[in-house]
PDB file of N, CA and C in Angstrom:
ATOM      1  N   UNK A   1       0.838  -1.180   0.000  1.00  0.00           N
ATOM      2  CA  UNK A   1       0.000   0.000   0.000  1.00  0.00           C
ATOM      3  C   UNK A   1       0.885   1.245   0.000  1.00  0.00           C
ATOM      4  N   UNK A   2       0.541   2.204  -0.843  1.00  0.00           N
ATOM      5  CA  UNK A   2       1.317   3.435  -0.956  1.00  0.00           C
ATOM      6  C   UNK A   2       0.999   4.378   0.201  1.00  0.00           C
ATOM      7  N   UNK A   3       1.965   5.215   0.525  1.00  0.00           N
ATOM      8  CA  UNK A   3       1.741   6.216   1.579  1.00  0.00           C
ATOM      9  C   UNK A   3       0.815   7.319   1.082  1.00  0.00           C
ATOM     10  N   UNK A   4       0.782   7.526  -0.225  1.00  0.00           N
ATOM     11  CA  UNK A   4      -0.092   8.531  -0.828  1.00  0.00           C
ATOM     12  C   UNK A   4      -1.266   7.797  -1.464  1.00  0.00           C
ATOM     13  N   UNK A   5      -2.460   8.245  -1.177  1.00  0.00           N
ATOM     14  CA  UNK A   5      -3.649   7.631  -1.764  1.00  0.00           C
ATOM     15  C   UNK A   5      -3.754   8.021  -3.233  1.00  0.00           C
ATOM     16  N   UNK A   6      -4.251   7.107  -4.048  1.00  0.00           N
ATOM     17  CA  UNK A   6      -4.451   7.385  -5.473  1.00  0.00           C
ATOM     18  C   UNK A   6      -5.581   8.374  -5.687  1.00  0.00           C
ATOM     19  N   UNK A   7      -5.697   8.852  -6.895  1.00  0.00           N
ATOM     20  CA  UNK A   7      -6.751   9.796  -7.249  1.00  0.00           C
ATOM     21  C   UNK A   7      -8.097   9.080  -7.144  1.00  0.00           C
ATOM     22  N   UNK A   8      -9.046   9.656  -6.383  1.00  0.00           N
ATOM     23  CA  UNK A   8     -10.358   9.008  -6.273  1.00  0.00           C
ATOM     24  C   UNK A   8     -11.106   9.050  -7.605  1.00  0.00           C
ATOM     25  N   UNK A   9     -12.010   8.100  -7.840  1.00  0.00           N
ATOM     26  CA  UNK A   9     -12.705   8.006  -9.125  1.00  0.00           C
ATOM     27  C   UNK A   9     -13.432   9.283  -9.557  1.00  0.00           C
ATOM     28  N   UNK A  10     -13.983  10.044  -8.659  1.00  0.00           N
ATOM     29  CA  UNK A  10     -14.712  11.252  -9.033  1.00  0.00           C
ATOM     30  C   UNK A  10     -13.827  12.426  -9.393  1.00  0.00           C
ATOM     31  N   UNK A  11     -12.556  12.368  -9.073  1.00  0.00           N
ATOM     32  CA  UNK A  11     -11.638  13.490  -9.281  1.00  0.00           C
ATOM     33  C   UNK A  11     -10.690  13.285 -10.463  1.00  0.00           C
ATOM     34  N   UNK A  12     -10.864  12.229 -11.223  1.00  0.00           N
ATOM     35  CA  UNK A  12      -9.966  11.936 -12.343  1.00  0.00           C
ATOM     36  C   UNK A  12     -10.293  12.830 -13.532  1.00  0.00           C
ATOM     37  N   UNK A  13      -9.246  13.243 -14.229  1.00  0.00           N
ATOM     38  CA  UNK A  13      -9.427  14.005 -15.457  1.00  0.00           C
ATOM     39  C   UNK A  13      -9.705  13.082 -16.630  1.00  0.00           C
ATOM     40  N   UNK A  14      -9.911  13.663 -17.784  1.00  0.00           N
ATOM     41  CA  UNK A  14     -10.224  12.883 -18.980  1.00  0.00           C
ATOM     42  C   UNK A  14      -9.069  11.955 -19.362  1.00  0.00           C
ATOM     43  N   UNK A  15      -7.847  12.466 -19.320  1.00  0.00           N
ATOM     44  CA  UNK A  15      -6.684  11.640 -19.649  1.00  0.00           C
ATOM     45  C   UNK A  15      -6.562  10.462 -18.689  1.00  0.00           C
ATOM     46  N   UNK A  16      -6.704  10.732 -17.398  1.00  0.00           N
ATOM     47  CA  UNK A  16      -6.579   9.671 -16.394  1.00  0.00           C
ATOM     48  C   UNK A  16      -7.664   8.609 -16.584  1.00  0.00           C
ATOM     49  N   UNK A  17      -8.898   9.023 -16.824  1.00  0.00           N
ATOM     50  CA  UNK A  17      -9.981   8.053 -17.034  1.00  0.00           C
ATOM     51  C   UNK A  17      -9.701   7.179 -18.251  1.00  0.00           C
ATOM     52  N   UNK A  18      -9.192   7.798 -19.321  1.00  0.00           N
ATOM     53  CA  UNK A  18      -8.879   7.046 -20.539  1.00  0.00           C
ATOM     54  C   UNK A  18      -7.766   6.037 -20.296  1.00  0.00           C
ATOM     55  N   UNK A  19      -6.693   6.500 -19.678  1.00  0.00           N
ATOM     56  CA  UNK A  19      -5.548   5.629 -19.420  1.00  0.00           C
ATOM     57  C   UNK A  19      -5.914   4.536 -18.417  1.00  0.00           C
ATOM     58  N   UNK A  20      -6.686   4.880 -17.390  1.00  0.00           N
ATOM     59  CA  UNK A  20      -7.107   3.883 -16.410  1.00  0.00           C
ATOM     60  C   UNK A  20      -7.973   2.814 -17.067  1.00  0.00           C
ATOM     61  N   UNK A  21      -8.834   3.224 -17.987  1.00  0.00           N
ATOM     62  CA  UNK A  21      -9.665   2.259 -18.711  1.00  0.00           C
ATOM     63  C   UNK A  21      -8.834   1.302 -19.539  1.00  0.00           C
ATOM     64  N   UNK A  22      -7.800   1.843 -20.197  1.00  0.00           N
ATOM     65  CA  UNK A  22      -6.902   0.999 -20.989  1.00  0.00           C
ATOM     66  C   UNK A  22      -6.138   0.035 -20.087  1.00  0.00           C
ATOM     67  N   UNK A  23      -5.695   0.517 -18.934  1.00  0.00           N
ATOM     68  CA  UNK A  23      -4.957  -0.335 -17.997  1.00  0.00           C
ATOM     69  C   UNK A  23      -5.862  -1.426 -17.445  1.00  0.00           C
ATOM     70  N   UNK A  24      -7.103  -1.068 -17.120  1.00  0.00           N
ATOM     71  CA  UNK A  24      -8.056  -2.049 -16.596  1.00  0.00           C
ATOM     72  C   UNK A  24      -8.322  -3.136 -17.638  1.00  0.00           C
ATOM     73  N   UNK A  25      -8.430  -2.728 -18.898  1.00  0.00           N
ATOM     74  CA  UNK A  25      -8.698  -3.682 -19.969  1.00  0.00           C
ATOM     75  C   UNK A  25      -7.504  -4.623 -20.157  1.00  0.00           C
ATOM     76  N   UNK A  26      -6.297  -4.082 -20.049  1.00  0.00           N
ATOM     77  CA  UNK A  26      -5.090  -4.879 -20.298  1.00  0.00           C
ATOM     78  C   UNK A  26      -4.665  -5.713 -19.099  1.00  0.00           C
ATOM     79  N   UNK A  27      -4.755  -5.140 -17.890  1.00  0.00           N
ATOM     80  CA  UNK A  27      -4.226  -5.798 -16.698  1.00  0.00           C
ATOM     81  C   UNK A  27      -5.298  -6.352 -15.756  1.00  0.00           C
ATOM     82  N   UNK A  28      -6.538  -5.936 -15.950  1.00  0.00           N
ATOM     83  CA  UNK A  28      -7.598  -6.383 -15.055  1.00  0.00           C
ATOM     84  C   UNK A  28      -7.876  -5.403 -13.928  1.00  0.00           C
ATOM     85  N   UNK A  29      -6.910  -4.556 -13.618  1.00  0.00           N
ATOM     86  CA  UNK A  29      -7.073  -3.503 -12.615  1.00  0.00           C
ATOM     87  C   UNK A  29      -6.040  -2.416 -12.889  1.00  0.00           C
ATOM     88  N   UNK A  30      -6.213  -1.276 -12.247  1.00  0.00           N
ATOM     89  CA  UNK A  30      -5.289  -0.166 -12.448  1.00  0.00           C
ATOM     90  C   UNK A  30      -4.151  -0.286 -11.439  1.00  0.00           C
ATOM     91  N   UNK A  31      -2.892  -0.279 -11.906  1.00  0.00           N
ATOM     92  CA  UNK A  31      -1.765  -0.361 -10.973  1.00  0.00           C
ATOM     93  C   UNK A  31      -1.723   0.852 -10.041  1.00  0.00           C
ATOM     94  N   UNK A  32      -1.366   0.615  -8.800  1.00  0.00           N
ATOM     95  CA  UNK A  32      -1.337   1.678  -7.798  1.00  0.00           C
ATOM     96  C   UNK A  32      -0.397   2.824  -8.156  1.00  0.00           C
ATOM     97  N   UNK A  33       0.800   2.559  -8.704  1.00  0.00           N
ATOM     98  CA  UNK A  33       1.667   3.686  -9.072  1.00  0.00           C
ATOM     99  C   UNK A  33       1.021   4.622 -10.087  1.00  0.00           C
ATOM    100  N   UNK A  34       0.185   4.074 -10.935  1.00  0.00           N
ATOM    101  CA  UNK A  34      -0.485   4.898 -11.933  1.00  0.00           C
ATOM    102  C   UNK A  34      -1.502   5.831 -11.276  1.00  0.00           C
ATOM    103  N   UNK A  35      -2.238   5.343 -10.283  1.00  0.00           N
ATOM    104  CA  UNK A  35      -3.229   6.194  -9.621  1.00  0.00           C
ATOM    105  C   UNK A  35      -2.561   7.270  -8.777  1.00  0.00           C
ATOM    106  N   UNK A  36      -1.379   6.956  -8.227  1.00  0.00           N
ATOM    107  CA  UNK A  36      -0.662   7.941  -7.414  1.00  0.00           C
ATOM    108  C   UNK A  36      -0.050   9.024  -8.299  1.00  0.00           C
ATOM    109  N   UNK A  37       0.551   8.637  -9.419  1.00  0.00           N
ATOM    110  CA  UNK A  37       1.158   9.643 -10.296  1.00  0.00           C
ATOM    111  C   UNK A  37       0.121  10.509 -10.990  1.00  0.00           C
ATOM    112  N   UNK A  38      -1.132  10.072 -11.021  1.00  0.00           N
ATOM    113  CA  UNK A  38      -2.186  10.862 -11.657  1.00  0.00           C
ATOM    114  C   UNK A  38      -2.462  12.160 -10.903  1.00  0.00           C
ATOM    115  N   UNK A  39      -1.943  12.303  -9.686  1.00  0.00           N
ATOM    116  CA  UNK A  39      -2.103  13.559  -8.943  1.00  0.00           C
ATOM    117  C   UNK A  39      -1.380  14.713  -9.622  1.00  0.00           C
ATOM    118  N   UNK A  40      -0.287  14.432 -10.312  1.00  0.00           N
ATOM    119  CA  UNK A  40       0.530  15.459 -10.950  1.00  0.00           C
ATOM    120  C   UNK A  40       0.464  15.244 -12.463  1.00  0.00           C
ATOM    121  N   UNK A  41      -0.166  16.169 -13.193  1.00  0.00           N
ATOM    122  CA  UNK A  41      -0.455  15.983 -14.614  1.00  0.00           C
ATOM    123  C   UNK A  41       0.799  15.758 -15.457  1.00  0.00           C
ATOM    124  N   UNK A  42       1.837  16.559 -15.274  1.00  0.00           N
ATOM    125  CA  UNK A  42       3.040  16.418 -16.100  1.00  0.00           C
ATOM    126  C   UNK A  42       3.760  15.101 -15.810  1.00  0.00           C
ATOM    127  N   UNK A  43       3.833  14.738 -14.559  1.00  0.00           N
ATOM    128  CA  UNK A  43       4.463  13.469 -14.188  1.00  0.00           C
ATOM    129  C   UNK A  43       3.669  12.296 -14.758  1.00  0.00           C
ATOM    130  N   UNK A  44       2.355  12.382 -14.690  1.00  0.00           N
ATOM    131  CA  UNK A  44       1.487  11.323 -15.201  1.00  0.00           C
ATOM    132  C   UNK A  44       1.653  11.173 -16.711  1.00  0.00           C
ATOM    133  N   UNK A  45       1.710  12.294 -17.426  1.00  0.00           N
ATOM    134  CA  UNK A  45       1.891  12.236 -18.877  1.00  0.00           C
ATOM    135  C   UNK A  45       3.234  11.603 -19.224  1.00  0.00           C
ATOM    136  N   UNK A  46       4.281  11.943 -18.473  1.00  0.00           N
ATOM    137  CA  UNK A  46       5.592  11.349 -18.704  1.00  0.00           C
ATOM    138  C   UNK A  46       5.592   9.856 -18.429  1.00  0.00           C
ATOM    139  N   UNK A  47       4.930   9.452 -17.347  1.00  0.00           N
ATOM    140  CA  UNK A  47       4.828   8.035 -16.981  1.00  0.00           C
ATOM    141  C   UNK A  47       4.100   7.257 -18.075  1.00  0.00           C
ATOM    142  N   UNK A  48       3.001   7.810 -18.556  1.00  0.00           N
ATOM    143  CA  UNK A  48       2.215   7.153 -19.601  1.00  0.00           C
ATOM    144  C   UNK A  48       3.013   7.095 -20.903  1.00  0.00           C
ATOM    145  N   UNK A  49       3.740   8.171 -21.235  1.00  0.00           N
ATOM    146  CA  UNK A  49       4.550   8.182 -22.451  1.00  0.00           C
ATOM    147  C   UNK A  49       5.649   7.120 -22.386  1.00  0.00           C
ATOM    148  N   UNK A  50       6.275   6.975 -21.215  1.00  0.00           N
ATOM    149  CA  UNK A  50       7.319   5.969 -21.061  1.00  0.00           C
ATOM    150  C   UNK A  50       6.747   4.558 -21.235  1.00  0.00           C
ATOM    151  N   UNK A  51       5.608   4.282 -20.604  1.00  0.00           N
ATOM    152  CA  UNK A  51       4.988   2.960 -20.729  1.00  0.00           C
ATOM    153  C   UNK A  51       4.583   2.678 -22.178  1.00  0.00           C
ATOM    154  N   UNK A  52       4.053   3.689 -22.846  1.00  0.00           N
ATOM    155  CA  UNK A  52       3.642   3.531 -24.239  1.00  0.00           C
ATOM    156  C   UNK A  52       4.861   3.240 -25.116  1.00  0.00           C
ATOM    157  N   UNK A  53       5.952   3.982 -24.884  1.00  0.00           N
ATOM    158  CA  UNK A  53       7.168   3.777 -25.664  1.00  0.00           C
ATOM    159  C   UNK A  53       7.750   2.386 -25.427  1.00  0.00           C
ATOM    160  N   UNK A  54       7.705   1.913 -24.187  1.00  0.00           N
ATOM    161  CA  UNK A  54       8.189   0.563 -23.898  1.00  0.00           C
ATOM    162  C   UNK A  54       7.370  -0.499 -24.626  1.00  0.00           C
ATOM    163  N   UNK A  55       6.059  -0.289 -24.681  1.00  0.00           N
ATOM    164  CA  UNK A  55       5.198  -1.242 -25.384  1.00  0.00           C
ATOM    165  C   UNK A  55       5.478  -1.256 -26.883  1.00  0.00           C
ATOM    166  N   UNK A  56       5.746  -0.098 -27.444  1.00  0.00           N
ATOM    167  CA  UNK A  56       5.909   0.017 -28.893  1.00  0.00           C
ATOM    168  C   UNK A  56       7.328  -0.234 -29.386  1.00  0.00           C
ATOM    169  N   UNK A  57       8.301  -0.262 -28.495  1.00  0.00           N
ATOM    170  CA  UNK A  57       9.683  -0.463 -28.932  1.00  0.00           C
ATOM    171  C   UNK A  57       9.857  -1.870 -29.488  1.00  0.00           C
ATOM    172  N   UNK A  58      10.646  -1.966 -30.536  1.00  0.00           N
ATOM    173  CA  UNK A  58      10.846  -3.255 -31.192  1.00  0.00           C
ATOM    174  C   UNK A  58      12.320  -3.662 -31.217  1.00  0.00           C
ATOM    175  N   UNK A  59      13.141  -3.033 -30.405  1.00  0.00           N
ATOM    176  CA  UNK A  59      14.557  -3.379 -30.374  1.00  0.00           C
ATOM    177  C   UNK A  59      14.801  -4.711 -29.677  1.00  0.00           C
ATOM    178  N   UNK A  60      13.914  -5.059 -28.754  1.00  0.00           N
ATOM    179  CA  UNK A  60      14.029  -6.308 -28.005  1.00  0.00           C
ATOM    180  C   UNK A  60      12.762  -7.116 -28.249  1.00  0.00           C
ATOM    181  N   UNK A  61      12.922  -8.421 -28.359  1.00  0.00           N
ATOM    182  CA  UNK A  61      11.789  -9.315 -28.570  1.00  0.00           C
ATOM    183  C   UNK A  61      10.756  -9.156 -27.449  1.00  0.00           C
ATOM    184  N   UNK A  62       9.473  -9.220 -27.800  1.00  0.00           N
ATOM    185  CA  UNK A  62       8.388  -9.028 -26.833  1.00  0.00           C
ATOM    186  C   UNK A  62       8.445 -10.056 -25.699  1.00  0.00           C
ATOM    187  N   UNK A  63       8.790 -11.298 -26.019  1.00  0.00           N
ATOM    188  CA  UNK A  63       8.888 -12.336 -24.973  1.00  0.00           C
ATOM    189  C   UNK A  63       9.981 -12.003 -23.975  1.00  0.00           C
ATOM    190  N   UNK A  64      11.095 -11.484 -24.456  1.00  0.00           N
ATOM    191  CA  UNK A  64      12.198 -11.122 -23.578  1.00  0.00           C
ATOM    192  C   UNK A  64      11.812  -9.951 -22.670  1.00  0.00           C
ATOM    193  N   UNK A  65      11.062  -8.992 -23.224  1.00  0.00           N
ATOM    194  CA  UNK A  65      10.591  -7.867 -22.403  1.00  0.00           C
ATOM    195  C   UNK A  65       9.669  -8.365 -21.291  1.00  0.00           C
ATOM    196  N   UNK A  66       8.779  -9.299 -21.619  1.00  0.00           N
ATOM    197  CA  UNK A  66       7.871  -9.841 -20.613  1.00  0.00           C
ATOM    198  C   UNK A  66       8.618 -10.623 -19.538  1.00  0.00           C
ATOM    199  N   UNK A  67       9.610 -11.393 -19.949  1.00  0.00           N
ATOM    200  CA  UNK A  67      10.411 -12.131 -18.970  1.00  0.00           C
ATOM    201  C   UNK A  67      11.155 -11.178 -18.030  1.00  0.00           C
ATOM    202  N   UNK A  68      11.707 -10.102 -18.580  1.00  0.00           N
ATOM    203  CA  UNK A  68      12.396  -9.114 -17.754  1.00  0.00           C
ATOM    204  C   UNK A  68      11.418  -8.433 -16.798  1.00  0.00           C
ATOM    205  N   UNK A  69      10.223  -8.153 -17.283  1.00  0.00           N
ATOM    206  CA  UNK A  69       9.190  -7.526 -16.445  1.00  0.00           C
ATOM    207  C   UNK A  69       8.815  -8.439 -15.277  1.00  0.00           C
ATOM    208  N   UNK A  70       8.651  -9.723 -15.555  1.00  0.00           N
ATOM    209  CA  UNK A  70       8.307 -10.688 -14.504  1.00  0.00           C
ATOM    210  C   UNK A  70       9.436 -10.804 -13.487  1.00  0.00           C
ATOM    211  N   UNK A  71      10.672 -10.857 -13.972  1.00  0.00           N
ATOM    212  CA  UNK A  71      11.821 -10.969 -13.076  1.00  0.00           C
ATOM    213  C   UNK A  71      11.925  -9.758 -12.149  1.00  0.00           C
ATOM    214  N   UNK A  72      11.767  -8.564 -12.696  1.00  0.00           N
ATOM    215  CA  UNK A  72      11.834  -7.346 -11.883  1.00  0.00           C
ATOM    216  C   UNK A  72      10.685  -7.329 -10.885  1.00  0.00           C
ATOM    217  N   UNK A  73       9.501  -7.729 -11.311  1.00  0.00           N
ATOM    218  CA  UNK A  73       8.351  -7.760 -10.407  1.00  0.00           C
ATOM    219  C   UNK A  73       8.582  -8.694  -9.231  1.00  0.00           C
ATOM    220  N   UNK A  74       9.167  -9.849  -9.495  1.00  0.00           N
ATOM    221  CA  UNK A  74       9.433 -10.779  -8.392  1.00  0.00           C
ATOM    222  C   UNK A  74      10.520 -10.249  -7.461  1.00  0.00           C
ATOM    223  N   UNK A  75      11.511  -9.562  -8.019  1.00  0.00           N
ATOM    224  CA  UNK A  75      12.590  -9.010  -7.195  1.00  0.00           C
ATOM    225  C   UNK A  75      12.101  -7.935  -6.224  1.00  0.00           C
ATOM    226  N   UNK A  76      11.162  -7.094  -6.703  1.00  0.00           N
ATOM    227  CA  UNK A  76      10.695  -5.988  -5.855  1.00  0.00           C
ATOM    228  C   UNK A  76       9.397  -6.316  -5.117  1.00  0.00           C
ATOM    229  N   UNK A  77       8.820  -7.484  -5.389  1.00  0.00           N
ATOM    230  CA  UNK A  77       7.608  -7.886  -4.680  1.00  0.00           C
ATOM    231  C   UNK A  77       6.338  -7.256  -5.216  1.00  0.00           C
ATOM    232  N   UNK A  78       6.330  -6.907  -6.490  1.00  0.00           N
ATOM    233  CA  UNK A  78       5.153  -6.280  -7.113  1.00  0.00           C
ATOM    234  C   UNK A  78       4.196  -7.370  -7.597  1.00  0.00           C
ATOM    235  N   UNK A  79       2.894  -7.230  -7.351  1.00  0.00           N
ATOM    236  CA  UNK A  79       1.945  -8.263  -7.787  1.00  0.00           C
ATOM    237  C   UNK A  79       1.661  -8.240  -9.294  1.00  0.00           C
ATOM    238  N   UNK A  80       2.140  -7.224 -10.020  1.00  0.00           N
ATOM    239  CA  UNK A  80       1.895  -7.164 -11.453  1.00  0.00           C
ATOM    240  C   UNK A  80       3.021  -7.838 -12.168  1.00  0.00           C
TER     241      UNK A  80
END
């Protein structure tokens, strides 16, 4: 659990609602870091741009990216 509460559903902007919907569709739920960074618009846009760029990059095989993601998640104890 984060020390900072995420943005409540009634206070989300249009960008946050759109991105949260995409995350819910892809992951089943919205990751907590995403709801926390949504408090600061510029930081949130940068976070979303980085995630989008990682998804679209083709320098590394998609399977290898997923394996690296799983390994990092297990190392830091993240449920995603």
